[in-house]
């Protein structure tokens, strides 16, 4: 028998806002710090940093002349 999840009817939507690239990078720095304190493997931390470098290259590239990050930039 399959069970389906049905969310409660009174759920509130998350507040979505646009971040500046600097805010986004700062949040990523906090994320890395927290994950390091949690004891994640150095390879995992290294991969997170590498993926952020790829994102920075993409966000600052000639095809993405934006100074803000929203869900369209990430997905």
N, C-alpha and C. Protein backbone atom coordinates (compact mmCIF):
# COMPACT_ATOMS: atom_id res chain seq x y z
N UNK A 1 0.83 -1.17 0.00
CA UNK A 1 0.00 0.00 0.00
C UNK A 1 0.88 1.24 0.00
N UNK A 2 0.68 2.12 -0.99
CA UNK A 2 1.43 3.36 -1.07
C UNK A 2 0.80 4.40 -0.18
N UNK A 3 1.67 5.11 0.53
CA UNK A 3 1.19 6.20 1.36
C UNK A 3 1.59 7.51 0.69
N UNK A 4 0.71 8.45 0.69
CA UNK A 4 1.00 9.75 0.09
C UNK A 4 1.08 10.80 1.17
N UNK A 5 2.00 11.70 0.96
CA UNK A 5 2.13 12.82 1.89
C UNK A 5 1.25 13.95 1.42
N UNK A 6 0.41 14.42 2.31
CA UNK A 6 -0.39 15.60 2.01
C UNK A 6 -0.05 16.66 3.05
N UNK A 7 0.44 17.79 2.58
CA UNK A 7 0.82 18.84 3.53
C UNK A 7 -0.39 19.40 4.25
N UNK A 8 -0.19 19.91 5.45
CA UNK A 8 -1.31 20.54 6.16
C UNK A 8 -1.87 21.71 5.35
N UNK A 9 -3.12 21.96 5.52
CA UNK A 9 -3.79 22.99 4.74
C UNK A 9 -3.36 24.41 5.12
N UNK A 10 -2.86 24.60 6.31
CA UNK A 10 -2.51 25.95 6.76
C UNK A 10 -1.01 26.23 6.63
N UNK A 11 -0.36 25.64 5.65
CA UNK A 11 1.07 25.89 5.47
C UNK A 11 1.29 27.30 4.94
N UNK A 12 2.36 27.89 5.36
CA UNK A 12 2.71 29.22 4.87
C UNK A 12 3.84 29.07 3.87
N UNK A 13 3.85 29.91 2.89
CA UNK A 13 4.92 29.88 1.89
C UNK A 13 6.16 30.56 2.45
N UNK A 14 7.30 30.07 2.01
CA UNK A 14 8.55 30.70 2.42
C UNK A 14 8.70 32.04 1.74
N UNK A 15 9.26 32.98 2.46
CA UNK A 15 9.52 34.30 1.91
C UNK A 15 10.73 34.18 0.98
N UNK A 16 10.56 34.58 -0.25
CA UNK A 16 11.64 34.49 -1.23
C UNK A 16 12.08 35.91 -1.58
N UNK A 17 13.39 36.12 -1.54
CA UNK A 17 13.90 37.42 -1.92
C UNK A 17 15.15 37.23 -2.76
N UNK A 18 15.54 38.27 -3.39
CA UNK A 18 16.75 38.25 -4.21
C UNK A 18 17.93 38.67 -3.34
N UNK A 19 19.04 37.97 -3.52
CA UNK A 19 20.27 38.30 -2.79
C UNK A 19 21.25 38.97 -3.73
N UNK A 20 22.08 39.84 -3.19
CA UNK A 20 23.19 40.32 -3.99
C UNK A 20 24.22 39.20 -4.04
N UNK A 21 25.09 39.25 -5.03
CA UNK A 21 26.12 38.22 -5.12
C UNK A 21 27.00 38.23 -3.87
N UNK A 22 27.30 39.41 -3.35
CA UNK A 22 28.13 39.48 -2.15
C UNK A 22 27.45 38.81 -0.97
N UNK A 23 26.14 39.01 -0.80
CA UNK A 23 25.40 38.34 0.27
C UNK A 23 25.43 36.83 0.08
N UNK A 24 25.26 36.39 -1.16
CA UNK A 24 25.26 34.96 -1.47
C UNK A 24 26.62 34.35 -1.14
N UNK A 25 27.70 35.01 -1.53
CA UNK A 25 29.05 34.51 -1.25
C UNK A 25 29.31 34.49 0.26
N UNK A 26 28.82 35.50 0.96
CA UNK A 26 28.99 35.55 2.41
C UNK A 26 28.25 34.40 3.08
N UNK A 27 27.03 34.12 2.63
CA UNK A 27 26.28 32.99 3.18
C UNK A 27 27.00 31.67 2.90
N UNK A 28 27.62 31.56 1.75
CA UNK A 28 28.37 30.34 1.43
C UNK A 28 29.58 30.20 2.36
N UNK A 29 30.22 31.31 2.68
CA UNK A 29 31.34 31.25 3.63
C UNK A 29 30.88 30.74 5.00
N UNK A 30 29.72 31.22 5.46
CA UNK A 30 29.17 30.71 6.72
C UNK A 30 28.85 29.22 6.61
N UNK A 31 28.30 28.83 5.48
CA UNK A 31 27.96 27.42 5.23
C UNK A 31 29.22 26.56 5.34
N UNK A 32 30.30 26.99 4.68
CA UNK A 32 31.56 26.25 4.72
C UNK A 32 32.09 26.17 6.14
N UNK A 33 32.04 27.28 6.86
CA UNK A 33 32.51 27.29 8.24
C UNK A 33 31.72 26.30 9.10
N UNK A 34 30.38 26.32 8.95
CA UNK A 34 29.54 25.42 9.73
C UNK A 34 29.80 23.96 9.38
N UNK A 35 29.94 23.67 8.09
CA UNK A 35 30.19 22.29 7.68
C UNK A 35 31.56 21.81 8.14
N UNK A 36 32.53 22.71 8.20
CA UNK A 36 33.85 22.36 8.71
C UNK A 36 33.75 22.03 10.20
N UNK A 37 33.00 22.85 10.95
CA UNK A 37 32.82 22.60 12.37
C UNK A 37 32.05 21.31 12.63
N UNK A 38 31.16 20.93 11.71
CA UNK A 38 30.42 19.67 11.84
C UNK A 38 31.32 18.47 11.63
N UNK A 39 32.48 18.70 11.04
CA UNK A 39 33.42 17.60 10.83
C UNK A 39 33.28 16.90 9.49
N UNK A 40 32.73 17.58 8.50
CA UNK A 40 32.65 16.97 7.17
C UNK A 40 34.05 16.68 6.64
N UNK A 41 34.13 15.70 5.78
CA UNK A 41 35.42 15.30 5.20
C UNK A 41 36.01 16.47 4.42
N UNK A 42 37.33 16.53 4.42
CA UNK A 42 38.01 17.62 3.72
C UNK A 42 37.69 17.58 2.23
N UNK A 43 37.49 16.40 1.68
CA UNK A 43 37.13 16.28 0.26
C UNK A 43 35.77 16.92 -0.01
N UNK A 44 34.83 16.72 0.90
CA UNK A 44 33.49 17.31 0.75
C UNK A 44 33.58 18.83 0.79
N UNK A 45 34.33 19.35 1.75
CA UNK A 45 34.51 20.80 1.87
C UNK A 45 35.17 21.34 0.60
N UNK A 46 36.18 20.62 0.14
CA UNK A 46 36.88 21.02 -1.08
C UNK A 46 35.93 21.05 -2.28
N UNK A 47 35.06 20.06 -2.38
CA UNK A 47 34.10 20.02 -3.49
C UNK A 47 33.11 21.18 -3.41
N UNK A 48 32.65 21.51 -2.20
CA UNK A 48 31.74 22.66 -2.05
C UNK A 48 32.42 23.93 -2.53
N UNK A 49 33.67 24.12 -2.15
CA UNK A 49 34.41 25.31 -2.57
C UNK A 49 34.62 25.32 -4.09
N UNK A 50 34.92 24.16 -4.65
CA UNK A 50 35.12 24.06 -6.10
C UNK A 50 33.84 24.41 -6.85
N UNK A 51 32.71 23.91 -6.37
CA UNK A 51 31.44 24.21 -7.04
C UNK A 51 31.09 25.68 -6.93
N UNK A 52 31.44 26.30 -5.82
CA UNK A 52 31.20 27.74 -5.69
C UNK A 52 32.07 28.51 -6.68
N UNK A 53 33.30 28.07 -6.89
CA UNK A 53 34.16 28.71 -7.89
C UNK A 53 33.53 28.63 -9.27
N UNK A 54 32.97 27.46 -9.61
CA UNK A 54 32.28 27.31 -10.90
C UNK A 54 31.12 28.29 -10.99
N UNK A 55 30.35 28.41 -9.89
CA UNK A 55 29.22 29.33 -9.89
C UNK A 55 29.70 30.77 -10.06
N UNK A 56 30.79 31.13 -9.37
CA UNK A 56 31.31 32.49 -9.48
C UNK A 56 31.76 32.78 -10.90
N UNK A 57 32.38 31.82 -11.55
CA UNK A 57 32.78 31.98 -12.94
C UNK A 57 31.55 32.19 -13.82
N UNK A 58 30.50 31.40 -13.57
CA UNK A 58 29.26 31.52 -14.33
C UNK A 58 28.59 32.86 -14.06
N UNK A 59 28.48 33.23 -12.78
CA UNK A 59 27.76 34.45 -12.41
C UNK A 59 28.48 35.71 -12.89
N UNK A 60 29.78 35.65 -12.96
CA UNK A 60 30.56 36.83 -13.36
C UNK A 60 30.98 36.78 -14.82
N UNK A 61 30.56 35.74 -15.51
CA UNK A 61 30.93 35.59 -16.91
C UNK A 61 30.21 36.58 -17.80
N UNK A 62 30.62 36.61 -19.05
CA UNK A 62 30.03 37.56 -19.99
C UNK A 62 28.57 37.27 -20.29
N UNK A 63 28.12 36.03 -20.04
CA UNK A 63 26.73 35.68 -20.34
C UNK A 63 25.80 36.00 -19.18
N UNK A 64 26.34 36.29 -18.01
CA UNK A 64 25.53 36.56 -16.84
C UNK A 64 25.95 37.88 -16.18
N UNK A 65 25.67 39.00 -16.80
CA UNK A 65 26.11 40.29 -16.22
C UNK A 65 25.17 40.77 -15.11
N UNK A 66 24.91 39.93 -14.12
CA UNK A 66 24.00 40.29 -13.04
C UNK A 66 24.77 40.53 -11.76
N UNK A 67 24.18 41.32 -10.90
CA UNK A 67 24.78 41.52 -9.59
C UNK A 67 23.88 40.96 -8.49
N UNK A 68 22.84 40.23 -8.89
CA UNK A 68 21.91 39.64 -7.93
C UNK A 68 21.71 38.17 -8.26
N UNK A 69 21.33 37.41 -7.23
CA UNK A 69 21.08 35.98 -7.39
C UNK A 69 19.62 35.74 -7.08
N UNK A 70 18.93 35.06 -7.96
CA UNK A 70 17.58 34.61 -7.65
C UNK A 70 17.46 33.15 -8.12
N UNK A 71 16.30 32.58 -7.93
CA UNK A 71 16.16 31.15 -8.22
C UNK A 71 16.41 30.84 -9.69
N UNK A 72 16.24 31.79 -10.58
CA UNK A 72 16.49 31.53 -12.01
C UNK A 72 17.97 31.36 -12.31
N UNK A 73 18.85 31.94 -11.50
CA UNK A 73 20.28 31.79 -11.69
C UNK A 73 20.77 30.42 -11.21
N UNK A 74 20.07 29.84 -10.27
CA UNK A 74 20.54 28.61 -9.65
C UNK A 74 19.93 27.38 -10.28
N UNK A 75 18.66 27.42 -10.63
CA UNK A 75 17.99 26.23 -11.18
C UNK A 75 17.97 26.26 -12.68
